[in-house]
Amino acid sequence: MNTLRAHVCAPPPGRLCEGPVWDPRTGELLWVDIRGGHIHRATLTGSTPDLAPRATISLDPPVSAVLPCASGGLLAAMGDTIFRVDSSVAAERSSEKSPGGTFAQALSPVVTLPLPDDGVRRRLNDAKVDPRGRLLVGTMAESDDGAGSAGLYRLDPDGTLITLRTGVTISNGLGWSPDGRTLYYADSPTHRVDFFDYDLDTGTLSEGRSFARFPDGEPDGLTVDAQGNVWIAVWGAGQVRAFDPSGNLHTTVEVGPSQVSSCAFAGPDLDVLVITTAAEGGAAREPGAGRLFACVPGVIGLPSTPFADERLVHADGR
């Protein structure tokens, strides 16, 4: 088994950094600080490599995910609603703006999830776009009585919302095999990642089967490389672990802070693994908590697909 060590990057720490995604249109990495309500953007620099902060979009927290859209804008998951961020704001090069200002006016709601009013606190969580341009987004319970109360949903380009899974507690870790026909998915408190047959024509799932287990932590965000290896952030273990398509562990990336939240391949060649971490609770005292880390693992990632929102843009005229 290979062991790698990630190095800390320049951006300042956040409280709950998550959801890194490489945007090839701008040559930038996007990620969110969920608790702060921030969408951050940075460019890769140097041969080490490092990240140079470029701009921050500040919205009302929580902002749990950000993804590029085919229209040129961004898709942002905020609370219980998916918003489209206007392309002129998505391309903004200035520094941080205040909530309720220019950026708030540039938000267009796409869909609000019909979460039940049963006293359980829920919010949107991890989100990814499938190879056909549909959004998969999960919810999570933030209260102790919320076990099994969340789900996984599919948002189609025409705005239709479909429920894919129920009985979930913390929906996390979405990623597809290179041919798009296998979906990897984590409901974090189960301490495992499951895999599903994925129908690219319909965007539907088979029953899940266990792919990898994590007795010493909870699987969080994940990404898949061009060879089909699955790189999984292990919350509580301070590592990213890579498994081959058969589920065999072959590489461990030592990060440092225990709350490793997600990972993505970045750069023009998709050869840099960028890793997000959090600084929640007592973990905030750990060196490097809430920072971004990077390493060059010797493989390349898969290009991301933008959300195919052209029909939404046509429908509302923006």
C-alpha atoms as a PDB file:
ATOM      1  CA  MET A   1       0.000   0.000   0.000  1.00  0.00           C
ATOM      2  CA  ASN A   2       1.195   3.527  -0.832  1.00  0.00           C
ATOM      3  CA  THR A   3       1.310   6.267   1.793  1.00  0.00           C
ATOM      4  CA  LEU A   4       1.381   9.938   0.778  1.00  0.00           C
ATOM      5  CA  ARG A   5       1.421  13.113   2.834  1.00  0.00           C
ATOM      6  CA  ALA A   6      -0.535  16.213   1.855  1.00  0.00           C
ATOM      7  CA  HIS A   7       0.825  19.707   2.473  1.00  0.00           C
ATOM      8  CA  VAL A   8      -1.119  22.718   3.699  1.00  0.00           C
ATOM      9  CA  CYS A   9      -2.138  25.402   1.190  1.00  0.00           C
ATOM     10  CA  ALA A  10      -2.236  29.179   1.482  1.00  0.00           C
ATOM     11  CA  PRO A  11      -5.966  30.000   1.868  1.00  0.00           C
ATOM     12  CA  PRO A  12      -6.879  30.875   5.470  1.00  0.00           C
ATOM     13  CA  PRO A  13      -8.848  28.337   7.490  1.00  0.00           C
ATOM     14  CA  GLY A  14     -12.616  28.104   7.494  1.00  0.00           C
ATOM     15  CA  ARG A  15     -14.915  26.433   9.949  1.00  0.00           C
ATOM     16  CA  LEU A  16     -16.421  23.740   7.699  1.00  0.00           C
ATOM     17  CA  CYS A  17     -14.750  23.735   4.295  1.00  0.00           C
ATOM     18  CA  GLU A  18     -16.316  21.307   1.835  1.00  0.00           C
ATOM     19  CA  GLY A  19     -17.208  20.494  -1.755  1.00  0.00           C
ATOM     20  CA  PRO A  20     -14.063  21.309  -3.790  1.00  0.00           C
ATOM     21  CA  VAL A  21     -14.597  21.283  -7.552  1.00  0.00           C
ATOM     22  CA  TRP A  22     -12.326  22.328 -10.408  1.00  0.00           C
ATOM     23  CA  ASP A  23     -13.898  24.758 -12.902  1.00  0.00           C
ATOM     24  CA  PRO A  24     -12.005  24.389 -16.206  1.00  0.00           C
ATOM     25  CA  ARG A  25     -13.770  27.425 -17.699  1.00  0.00           C
ATOM     26  CA  THR A  26     -12.007  29.791 -15.315  1.00  0.00           C
ATOM     27  CA  GLY A  27      -9.045  27.627 -14.297  1.00  0.00           C
ATOM     28  CA  GLU A  28     -10.085  27.920 -10.645  1.00  0.00           C
ATOM     29  CA  LEU A  29     -10.911  25.721  -7.696  1.00  0.00           C
ATOM     30  CA  LEU A  30     -14.284  26.348  -6.050  1.00  0.00           C
ATOM     31  CA  TRP A  31     -15.181  25.295  -2.520  1.00  0.00           C
ATOM     32  CA  VAL A  32     -17.520  26.327   0.279  1.00  0.00           C
ATOM     33  CA  ASP A  33     -17.280  27.129   3.962  1.00  0.00           C
ATOM     34  CA  ILE A  34     -20.698  25.838   5.002  1.00  0.00           C
ATOM     35  CA  ARG A  35     -20.976  27.599   8.357  1.00  0.00           C
ATOM     36  CA  GLY A  36     -19.611  30.888   7.058  1.00  0.00           C
ATOM     37  CA  GLY A  37     -21.830  30.938   3.974  1.00  0.00           C
ATOM     38  CA  HIS A  38     -18.829  31.501   1.710  1.00  0.00           C
ATOM     39  CA  ILE A  39     -18.065  30.344  -1.823  1.00  0.00           C
ATOM     40  CA  HIS A  40     -14.296  30.601  -2.302  1.00  0.00           C
ATOM     41  CA  ARG A  41     -12.290  30.620  -5.508  1.00  0.00           C
ATOM     42  CA  ALA A  42      -8.550  30.108  -5.964  1.00  0.00           C
ATOM     43  CA  THR A  43      -6.011  29.356  -8.673  1.00  0.00           C
ATOM     44  CA  LEU A  44      -3.297  26.723  -8.539  1.00  0.00           C
ATOM     45  CA  THR A  45       0.223  28.117  -8.360  1.00  0.00           C
ATOM     46  CA  GLY A  46       3.768  26.765  -8.255  1.00  0.00           C
ATOM     47  CA  SER A  47       5.138  23.287  -8.657  1.00  0.00           C
ATOM     48  CA  THR A  48       4.517  22.198  -5.054  1.00  0.00           C
ATOM     49  CA  PRO A  49       1.513  23.059  -5.752  1.00  0.00           C
ATOM     50  CA  ASP A  50      -0.328  25.757  -3.768  1.00  0.00           C
ATOM     51  CA  LEU A  51      -3.599  27.695  -4.000  1.00  0.00           C
ATOM     52  CA  ALA A  52      -3.788  31.481  -4.451  1.00  0.00           C
ATOM     53  CA  PRO A  53      -7.116  32.894  -3.196  1.00  0.00           C
ATOM     54  CA  ARG A  54      -8.930  34.780  -5.969  1.00  0.00           C
ATOM     55  CA  ALA A  55     -12.327  35.892  -4.628  1.00  0.00           C
ATOM     56  CA  THR A  56     -15.086  35.078  -2.149  1.00  0.00           C
ATOM     57  CA  ILE A  57     -18.848  35.200  -2.645  1.00  0.00           C
ATOM     58  CA  SER A  58     -20.566  35.616   0.725  1.00  0.00           C
ATOM     59  CA  LEU A  59     -24.165  34.466   1.091  1.00  0.00           C
ATOM     60  CA  ASP A  60     -26.472  33.573   3.956  1.00  0.00           C
ATOM     61  CA  PRO A  61     -25.253  30.359   5.625  1.00  0.00           C
ATOM     62  CA  PRO A  62     -25.385  27.480   5.381  1.00  0.00           C
ATOM     63  CA  VAL A  63     -23.994  27.142   1.858  1.00  0.00           C
ATOM     64  CA  SER A  64     -23.296  23.442   1.482  1.00  0.00           C
ATOM     65  CA  ALA A  65     -22.237  23.041  -2.165  1.00  0.00           C
ATOM     66  CA  VAL A  66     -21.285  24.994  -5.286  1.00  0.00           C
ATOM     67  CA  LEU A  67     -21.114  23.657  -8.843  1.00  0.00           C
ATOM     68  CA  PRO A  68     -20.545  25.183 -12.297  1.00  0.00           C
ATOM     69  CA  CYS A  69     -23.486  25.568 -14.674  1.00  0.00           C
ATOM     70  CA  ALA A  70     -23.462  25.179 -18.438  1.00  0.00           C
ATOM     71  CA  SER A  71     -24.920  28.704 -18.708  1.00  0.00           C
ATOM     72  CA  GLY A  72     -21.748  30.171 -17.197  1.00  0.00           C
ATOM     73  CA  GLY A  73     -23.115  30.755 -13.707  1.00  0.00           C
ATOM     74  CA  LEU A  74     -22.949  28.630 -10.587  1.00  0.00           C
ATOM     75  CA  LEU A  75     -25.379  26.425  -8.715  1.00  0.00           C
ATOM     76  CA  ALA A  76     -25.396  26.883  -4.926  1.00  0.00           C
ATOM     77  CA  ALA A  77     -27.109  24.739  -2.279  1.00  0.00           C
ATOM     78  CA  MET A  78     -28.273  26.982   0.585  1.00  0.00           C
ATOM     79  CA  GLY A  79     -30.368  25.720   3.479  1.00  0.00           C
ATOM     80  CA  ASP A  80     -33.251  23.870   1.812  1.00  0.00           C
ATOM     81  CA  THR A  81     -33.041  25.621  -1.591  1.00  0.00           C
ATOM     82  CA  ILE A  82     -30.949  25.297  -4.760  1.00  0.00           C
ATOM     83  CA  PHE A  83     -30.085  28.693  -6.275  1.00  0.00           C
ATOM     84  CA  ARG A  84     -28.478  29.698  -9.532  1.00  0.00           C
ATOM     85  CA  VAL A  85     -25.854  32.431  -9.108  1.00  0.00           C
ATOM     86  CA  ASP A  86     -25.830  34.850 -12.037  1.00  0.00           C
ATOM     87  CA  SER A  87     -22.881  34.432 -14.411  1.00  0.00           C
ATOM     88  CA  SER A  88     -21.761  38.055 -13.929  1.00  0.00           C
ATOM     89  CA  VAL A  89     -21.418  37.397 -10.191  1.00  0.00           C
ATOM     90  CA  ALA A  90     -19.789  34.017 -10.757  1.00  0.00           C
ATOM     91  CA  ALA A  91     -17.106  35.796 -12.792  1.00  0.00           C
ATOM     92  CA  GLU A  92     -16.600  38.572 -10.214  1.00  0.00           C
ATOM     93  CA  ARG A  93     -12.927  39.217  -9.498  1.00  0.00           C
ATOM     94  CA  SER A  94     -13.368  41.538  -6.518  1.00  0.00           C
ATOM     95  CA  SER A  95     -12.985  40.510  -2.903  1.00  0.00           C
ATOM     96  CA  GLU A  96     -15.675  39.589  -0.440  1.00  0.00           C
ATOM     97  CA  LYS A  97     -19.138  41.165  -0.663  1.00  0.00           C
ATOM     98  CA  SER A  98     -21.603  41.358   2.188  1.00  0.00           C
ATOM     99  CA  PRO A  99     -24.718  39.181   2.497  1.00  0.00           C
ATOM    100  CA  GLY A 100     -27.853  40.909   1.266  1.00  0.00           C
ATOM    101  CA  GLY A 101     -25.927  43.046  -1.229  1.00  0.00           C
ATOM    102  CA  THR A 102     -25.107  42.559  -4.894  1.00  0.00           C
ATOM    103  CA  PHE A 103     -24.773  38.822  -4.629  1.00  0.00           C
ATOM    104  CA  ALA A 104     -28.099  38.259  -2.879  1.00  0.00           C
ATOM    105  CA  GLN A 105     -29.850  40.154  -5.699  1.00  0.00           C
ATOM    106  CA  ALA A 106     -28.173  37.902  -8.275  1.00  0.00           C
ATOM    107  CA  LEU A 107     -29.588  34.665  -6.827  1.00  0.00           C
ATOM    108  CA  SER A 108     -32.360  32.874  -8.707  1.00  0.00           C
ATOM    109  CA  PRO A 109     -34.143  30.076  -6.803  1.00  0.00           C
ATOM    110  CA  VAL A 110     -34.320  26.859  -8.813  1.00  0.00           C
ATOM    111  CA  VAL A 111     -36.081  24.518  -6.385  1.00  0.00           C
ATOM    112  CA  THR A 112     -36.864  24.292  -2.669  1.00  0.00           C
ATOM    113  CA  LEU A 113     -36.894  20.789  -1.263  1.00  0.00           C
ATOM    114  CA  PRO A 114     -40.188  19.799   0.386  1.00  0.00           C
ATOM    115  CA  LEU A 115     -38.694  18.982   3.786  1.00  0.00           C
ATOM    116  CA  PRO A 116     -41.278  17.892   6.386  1.00  0.00           C
ATOM    117  CA  ASP A 117     -42.126  20.210   9.263  1.00  0.00           C
ATOM    118  CA  ASP A 118     -41.631  17.604  11.981  1.00  0.00           C
ATOM    119  CA  GLY A 119     -39.178  19.353  14.299  1.00  0.00           C
ATOM    120  CA  VAL A 120     -36.087  17.661  12.836  1.00  0.00           C
ATOM    121  CA  ARG A 121     -33.484  20.174  11.640  1.00  0.00           C
ATOM    122  CA  ARG A 122     -32.313  19.325   8.125  1.00  0.00           C
ATOM    123  CA  ARG A 123     -30.333  21.046   5.399  1.00  0.00           C
ATOM    124  CA  LEU A 124     -28.902  20.330   1.996  1.00  0.00           C
ATOM    125  CA  ASN A 125     -25.462  18.727   2.006  1.00  0.00           C
ATOM    126  CA  ASP A 126     -23.116  17.243  -0.595  1.00  0.00           C
ATOM    127  CA  ALA A 127     -24.016  17.621  -4.282  1.00  0.00           C
ATOM    128  CA  LYS A 128     -22.521  16.470  -7.601  1.00  0.00           C
ATOM    129  CA  VAL A 129     -23.518  16.618 -11.270  1.00  0.00           C
ATOM    130  CA  ASP A 130     -23.865  13.303 -13.097  1.00  0.00           C
ATOM    131  CA  PRO A 131     -22.285  12.690 -16.537  1.00  0.00           C
ATOM    132  CA  ARG A 132     -25.522  13.766 -18.262  1.00  0.00           C
ATOM    133  CA  GLY A 133     -25.741  17.129 -16.483  1.00  0.00           C
ATOM    134  CA  ARG A 134     -28.294  16.264 -13.780  1.00  0.00           C
ATOM    135  CA  LEU A 135     -27.722  17.314 -10.168  1.00  0.00           C
ATOM    136  CA  LEU A 136     -27.713  14.794  -7.342  1.00  0.00           C
ATOM    137  CA  VAL A 137     -28.004  16.447  -3.928  1.00  0.00           C
ATOM    138  CA  GLY A 138     -28.540  15.005  -0.482  1.00  0.00           C
ATOM    139  CA  THR A 139     -29.857  16.276   2.811  1.00  0.00           C
ATOM    140  CA  MET A 140     -28.701  15.677   6.346  1.00  0.00           C
ATOM    141  CA  ALA A 141     -30.152  15.836   9.814  1.00  0.00           C
ATOM    142  CA  GLU A 142     -28.549  18.316  12.205  1.00  0.00           C
ATOM    143  CA  SER A 143     -30.463  17.222  15.287  1.00  0.00           C
ATOM    144  CA  ASP A 144     -29.920  14.169  17.473  1.00  0.00           C
ATOM    145  CA  ASP A 145     -33.394  12.802  16.682  1.00  0.00           C
ATOM    146  CA  GLY A 146     -32.831  12.892  12.919  1.00  0.00           C
ATOM    147  CA  ALA A 147     -31.519   9.392  12.198  1.00  0.00           C
ATOM    148  CA  GLY A 148     -32.997   8.120   8.940  1.00  0.00           C
ATOM    149  CA  SER A 149     -34.830  11.382   8.231  1.00  0.00           C
ATOM    150  CA  ALA A 150     -32.798  12.635   5.233  1.00  0.00           C
ATOM    151  CA  GLY A 151     -32.601  11.624   1.581  1.00  0.00           C
ATOM    152  CA  LEU A 152     -30.966  11.848  -1.824  1.00  0.00           C
ATOM    153  CA  TYR A 153     -32.598  13.782  -4.678  1.00  0.00           C
ATOM    154  CA  ARG A 154     -32.097  14.344  -8.403  1.00  0.00           C
ATOM    155  CA  LEU A 155     -32.675  17.739  -9.997  1.00  0.00           C
ATOM    156  CA  ASP A 156     -33.195  17.491 -13.746  1.00  0.00           C
ATOM    157  CA  PRO A 157     -32.254  20.306 -16.151  1.00  0.00           C
ATOM    158  CA  ASP A 158     -35.943  21.231 -16.598  1.00  0.00           C
ATOM    159  CA  GLY A 159     -36.351  21.829 -12.850  1.00  0.00           C
ATOM    160  CA  THR A 160     -38.033  18.499 -12.014  1.00  0.00           C
ATOM    161  CA  LEU A 161     -37.070  17.138  -8.571  1.00  0.00           C
ATOM    162  CA  ILE A 162     -37.026  13.351  -8.047  1.00  0.00           C
ATOM    163  CA  THR A 163     -36.458  11.472  -4.772  1.00  0.00           C
ATOM    164  CA  LEU A 164     -33.837   8.742  -5.237  1.00  0.00           C
ATOM    165  CA  ARG A 165     -33.297   7.533  -1.660  1.00  0.00           C
ATOM    166  CA  THR A 166     -34.955   7.951   1.737  1.00  0.00           C
ATOM    167  CA  GLY A 167     -33.983   6.701   5.200  1.00  0.00           C
ATOM    168  CA  VAL A 168     -30.617   8.490   5.038  1.00  0.00           C
ATOM    169  CA  THR A 169     -29.052  10.355   7.981  1.00  0.00           C
ATOM    170  CA  ILE A 170     -26.103  12.307   6.471  1.00  0.00           C
ATOM    171  CA  SER A 171     -26.007  12.147   2.674  1.00  0.00           C
ATOM    172  CA  ASN A 172     -22.420  12.525   1.450  1.00  0.00           C
ATOM    173  CA  GLY A 173     -19.756  11.371  -0.974  1.00  0.00           C
ATOM    174  CA  LEU A 174     -21.083  11.221  -4.548  1.00  0.00           C
ATOM    175  CA  GLY A 175     -18.974  10.108  -7.512  1.00  0.00           C
ATOM    176  CA  TRP A 176     -19.254   8.105 -10.743  1.00  0.00           C
ATOM    177  CA  SER A 177     -17.028   5.496 -12.352  1.00  0.00           C
ATOM    178  CA  PRO A 178     -15.274   6.527 -15.599  1.00  0.00           C
ATOM    179  CA  ASP A 179     -18.065   4.983 -17.705  1.00  0.00           C
ATOM    180  CA  GLY A 180     -20.726   6.683 -15.559  1.00  0.00           C
ATOM    181  CA  ARG A 181     -22.528   3.432 -14.853  1.00  0.00           C
ATOM    182  CA  THR A 182     -21.533   3.040 -11.194  1.00  0.00           C
ATOM    183  CA  LEU A 183     -22.400   5.571  -8.495  1.00  0.00           C
ATOM    184  CA  TYR A 184     -20.412   5.644  -5.236  1.00  0.00           C
ATOM    185  CA  TYR A 185     -22.287   7.093  -2.275  1.00  0.00           C
ATOM    186  CA  ALA A 186     -21.900   7.499   1.480  1.00  0.00           C
ATOM    187  CA  ASP A 187     -24.458   7.827   4.242  1.00  0.00           C
ATOM    188  CA  SER A 188     -21.727   8.812   6.680  1.00  0.00           C
ATOM    189  CA  PRO A 189     -23.014   7.366   9.990  1.00  0.00           C
ATOM    190  CA  THR A 190     -23.131   3.882   8.427  1.00  0.00           C
ATOM    191  CA  HIS A 191     -19.280   3.976   8.284  1.00  0.00           C
ATOM    192  CA  ARG A 192     -19.293   2.660   4.716  1.00  0.00           C
ATOM    193  CA  VAL A 193     -19.411   3.697   1.078  1.00  0.00           C
ATOM    194  CA  ASP A 194     -21.896   1.832  -1.092  1.00  0.00           C
ATOM    195  CA  PHE A 195     -21.990   1.460  -4.851  1.00  0.00           C
ATOM    196  CA  PHE A 196     -25.009   1.387  -7.142  1.00  0.00           C
ATOM    197  CA  ASP A 197     -25.671   0.529 -10.758  1.00  0.00           C
ATOM    198  CA  TYR A 198     -26.524   3.886 -12.332  1.00  0.00           C
ATOM    199  CA  ASP A 199     -28.750   4.186 -15.407  1.00  0.00           C
ATOM    200  CA  LEU A 200     -27.356   7.090 -17.417  1.00  0.00           C
ATOM    201  CA  ASP A 201     -30.492   7.339 -19.556  1.00  0.00           C
ATOM    202  CA  THR A 202     -32.928   7.669 -16.657  1.00  0.00           C
ATOM    203  CA  GLY A 203     -30.760   8.832 -13.740  1.00  0.00           C
ATOM    204  CA  THR A 204     -32.036   6.017 -11.513  1.00  0.00           C
ATOM    205  CA  LEU A 205     -30.238   3.684  -9.087  1.00  0.00           C
ATOM    206  CA  SER A 206     -30.183  -0.009  -8.283  1.00  0.00           C
ATOM    207  CA  GLU A 207     -30.080  -1.293  -4.733  1.00  0.00           C
ATOM    208  CA  GLY A 208     -26.785  -0.430  -3.044  1.00  0.00           C
ATOM    209  CA  ARG A 209     -23.990  -2.854  -2.180  1.00  0.00           C
ATOM    210  CA  SER A 210     -21.126  -2.285   0.242  1.00  0.00           C
ATOM    211  CA  PHE A 211     -17.910  -1.031  -1.375  1.00  0.00           C
ATOM    212  CA  ALA A 212     -15.655   0.009   1.548  1.00  0.00           C
ATOM    213  CA  ARG A 213     -15.958   0.217   5.334  1.00  0.00           C
ATOM    214  CA  PHE A 214     -14.403   2.670   7.810  1.00  0.00           C
ATOM    215  CA  PRO A 215     -14.457   1.472  11.431  1.00  0.00           C
ATOM    216  CA  ASP A 216     -12.194   4.345  12.571  1.00  0.00           C
ATOM    217  CA  GLY A 217     -14.078   7.240  10.966  1.00  0.00           C
ATOM    218  CA  GLU A 218     -16.943   8.324   8.739  1.00  0.00           C
ATOM    219  CA  PRO A 219     -16.677   8.538   4.949  1.00  0.00           C
ATOM    220  CA  ASP A 220     -17.400  12.060   3.750  1.00  0.00           C
ATOM    221  CA  GLY A 221     -16.765  13.565   0.298  1.00  0.00           C
ATOM    222  CA  LEU A 222     -15.177  11.473  -2.442  1.00  0.00           C
ATOM    223  CA  THR A 223     -13.881  11.624  -5.994  1.00  0.00           C
ATOM    224  CA  VAL A 224     -13.017   9.097  -8.705  1.00  0.00           C
ATOM    225  CA  ASP A 225      -9.889   9.128 -10.868  1.00  0.00           C
ATOM    226  CA  ALA A 226      -9.559   8.211 -14.542  1.00  0.00           C
ATOM    227  CA  GLN A 227      -8.484   4.659 -13.656  1.00  0.00           C
ATOM    228  CA  GLY A 228     -11.641   4.111 -11.594  1.00  0.00           C
ATOM    229  CA  ASN A 229      -9.998   4.394  -8.173  1.00  0.00           C
ATOM    230  CA  VAL A 230     -12.218   5.965  -5.500  1.00  0.00           C
ATOM    231  CA  TRP A 231     -10.600   8.573  -3.224  1.00  0.00           C
ATOM    232  CA  ILE A 232     -12.563   8.987   0.005  1.00  0.00           C
ATOM    233  CA  ALA A 233     -12.152  11.619   2.730  1.00  0.00           C
ATOM    234  CA  VAL A 234     -12.412   9.937   6.143  1.00  0.00           C
ATOM    235  CA  TRP A 235     -13.845  12.303   8.748  1.00  0.00           C
ATOM    236  CA  GLY A 236     -12.284  11.633  12.135  1.00  0.00           C
ATOM    237  CA  ALA A 237      -9.291   9.715  10.773  1.00  0.00           C
ATOM    238  CA  GLY A 238      -7.293  12.582   9.242  1.00  0.00           C
ATOM    239  CA  GLN A 239      -6.890  10.743   5.942  1.00  0.00           C
ATOM    240  CA  VAL A 240      -7.998  10.319   2.358  1.00  0.00           C
ATOM    241  CA  ARG A 241      -8.074   6.638   1.336  1.00  0.00           C
ATOM    242  CA  ALA A 242      -8.060   5.362  -2.243  1.00  0.00           C
ATOM    243  CA  PHE A 243      -9.628   2.062  -3.240  1.00  0.00           C
ATOM    244  CA  ASP A 244      -9.418   0.277  -6.570  1.00  0.00           C
ATOM    245  CA  PRO A 245     -12.692  -0.607  -8.357  1.00  0.00           C
ATOM    246  CA  SER A 246     -12.772  -3.950  -6.524  1.00  0.00           C
ATOM    247  CA  GLY A 247     -12.761  -2.191  -3.143  1.00  0.00           C
ATOM    248  CA  ASN A 248      -9.149  -2.910  -2.221  1.00  0.00           C
ATOM    249  CA  LEU A 249      -7.295  -0.165  -0.340  1.00  0.00           C
ATOM    250  CA  HIS A 250      -4.140   0.867  -2.214  1.00  0.00           C
ATOM    251  CA  THR A 251      -3.221   4.427  -1.122  1.00  0.00           C
ATOM    252  CA  THR A 252      -3.539   6.431   2.078  1.00  0.00           C
ATOM    253  CA  VAL A 253      -3.007  10.193   2.125  1.00  0.00           C
ATOM    254  CA  GLU A 254      -2.076  11.528   5.567  1.00  0.00           C
ATOM    255  CA  VAL A 255      -3.600  14.987   5.923  1.00  0.00           C
ATOM    256  CA  GLY A 256      -3.136  15.972   9.571  1.00  0.00           C
ATOM    257  CA  PRO A 257      -6.341  17.512  10.963  1.00  0.00           C
ATOM    258  CA  SER A 258      -8.834  14.823  11.893  1.00  0.00           C
ATOM    259  CA  GLN A 259     -11.898  16.314  10.189  1.00  0.00           C
ATOM    260  CA  VAL A 260     -11.081  15.594   6.545  1.00  0.00           C
ATOM    261  CA  SER A 261     -14.240  16.521   4.665  1.00  0.00           C
ATOM    262  CA  SER A 262     -13.779  16.101   0.901  1.00  0.00           C
ATOM    263  CA  CYS A 263     -11.359  15.914  -2.014  1.00  0.00           C
ATOM    264  CA  ALA A 264     -11.207  16.652  -5.750  1.00  0.00           C
ATOM    265  CA  PHE A 265      -8.718  16.542  -8.591  1.00  0.00           C
ATOM    266  CA  ALA A 266      -7.736  19.998  -9.801  1.00  0.00           C
ATOM    267  CA  GLY A 267      -5.495  21.776 -12.282  1.00  0.00           C
ATOM    268  CA  PRO A 268      -5.403  21.867 -16.093  1.00  0.00           C
ATOM    269  CA  ASP A 269      -4.237  18.238 -16.110  1.00  0.00           C
ATOM    270  CA  LEU A 270      -6.419  17.189 -13.146  1.00  0.00           C
ATOM    271  CA  ASP A 271      -3.314  15.775 -11.475  1.00  0.00           C
ATOM    272  CA  VAL A 272      -3.466  17.607  -8.120  1.00  0.00           C
ATOM    273  CA  LEU A 273      -5.595  16.178  -5.308  1.00  0.00           C
ATOM    274  CA  VAL A 274      -7.025  19.056  -3.244  1.00  0.00           C
ATOM    275  CA  ILE A 275      -8.412  18.173   0.180  1.00  0.00           C
ATOM    276  CA  THR A 276     -10.740  20.203   2.421  1.00  0.00           C
ATOM    277  CA  THR A 277     -10.879  19.994   6.204  1.00  0.00           C
ATOM    278  CA  ALA A 278     -13.032  21.367   9.006  1.00  0.00           C
ATOM    279  CA  ALA A 279     -12.536  22.916  12.434  1.00  0.00           C
ATOM    280  CA  GLU A 280     -15.691  21.890  14.222  1.00  0.00           C
ATOM    281  CA  GLY A 281     -15.879  21.607  18.008  1.00  0.00           C
ATOM    282  CA  GLY A 282     -12.726  20.436  19.762  1.00  0.00           C
ATOM    283  CA  ALA A 283     -11.011  19.775  16.415  1.00  0.00           C
ATOM    284  CA  ALA A 284     -10.643  23.532  15.966  1.00  0.00           C
ATOM    285  CA  ARG A 285      -7.520  23.339  18.173  1.00  0.00           C
ATOM    286  CA  GLU A 286      -5.754  20.895  15.831  1.00  0.00           C
ATOM    287  CA  PRO A 287      -2.921  22.319  13.700  1.00  0.00           C
ATOM    288  CA  GLY A 288      -4.202  23.034  10.204  1.00  0.00           C
ATOM    289  CA  ALA A 289      -7.867  22.461  11.032  1.00  0.00           C
ATOM    290  CA  GLY A 290     -10.138  24.142   8.478  1.00  0.00           C
ATOM    291  CA  ARG A 291      -7.319  24.569   5.944  1.00  0.00           C
ATOM    292  CA  LEU A 292      -7.001  23.171   2.424  1.00  0.00           C
ATOM    293  CA  PHE A 293      -4.302  20.621   1.627  1.00  0.00           C
ATOM    294  CA  ALA A 294      -2.864  19.211  -1.603  1.00  0.00           C
ATOM    295  CA  CYS A 295      -0.712  16.411  -2.969  1.00  0.00           C
ATOM    296  CA  VAL A 296       0.255  14.996  -6.363  1.00  0.00           C
ATOM    297  CA  PRO A 297      -0.696  11.303  -6.226  1.00  0.00           C
ATOM    298  CA  GLY A 298       0.512  10.277  -9.683  1.00  0.00           C
ATOM    299  CA  VAL A 299      -2.931   9.767 -11.246  1.00  0.00           C
ATOM    300  CA  ILE A 300      -5.384  12.120 -12.947  1.00  0.00           C
ATOM    301  CA  GLY A 301      -9.000  12.807 -12.147  1.00  0.00           C
ATOM    302  CA  LEU A 302     -12.124  12.821 -14.275  1.00  0.00           C
ATOM    303  CA  PRO A 303     -13.372  16.117 -15.743  1.00  0.00           C
ATOM    304  CA  SER A 304     -16.477  17.461 -14.032  1.00  0.00           C
ATOM    305  CA  THR A 305     -19.733  17.957 -15.920  1.00  0.00           C
ATOM    306  CA  PRO A 306     -21.532  21.308 -15.490  1.00  0.00           C
ATOM    307  CA  PHE A 307     -25.196  21.333 -14.512  1.00  0.00           C
ATOM    308  CA  ALA A 308     -27.194  21.498 -17.768  1.00  0.00           C
ATOM    309  CA  ASP A 309     -29.260  24.530 -16.801  1.00  0.00           C
ATOM    310  CA  GLU A 310     -29.874  25.973 -20.288  1.00  0.00           C
ATOM    311  CA  ARG A 311     -33.572  25.054 -20.084  1.00  0.00           C
ATOM    312  CA  LEU A 312     -33.898  26.835 -16.735  1.00  0.00           C
ATOM    313  CA  VAL A 313     -32.234  29.926 -18.189  1.00  0.00           C
ATOM    314  CA  HIS A 314     -34.597  29.862 -21.168  1.00  0.00           C
ATOM    315  CA  ALA A 315     -37.642  29.403 -18.929  1.00  0.00           C
ATOM    316  CA  ASP A 316     -37.049  32.447 -16.710  1.00  0.00           C
ATOM    317  CA  GLY A 317     -35.407  34.622 -19.362  1.00  0.00           C
ATOM    318  CA  ARG A 318     -32.132  35.120 -17.475  1.00  0.00           C
END
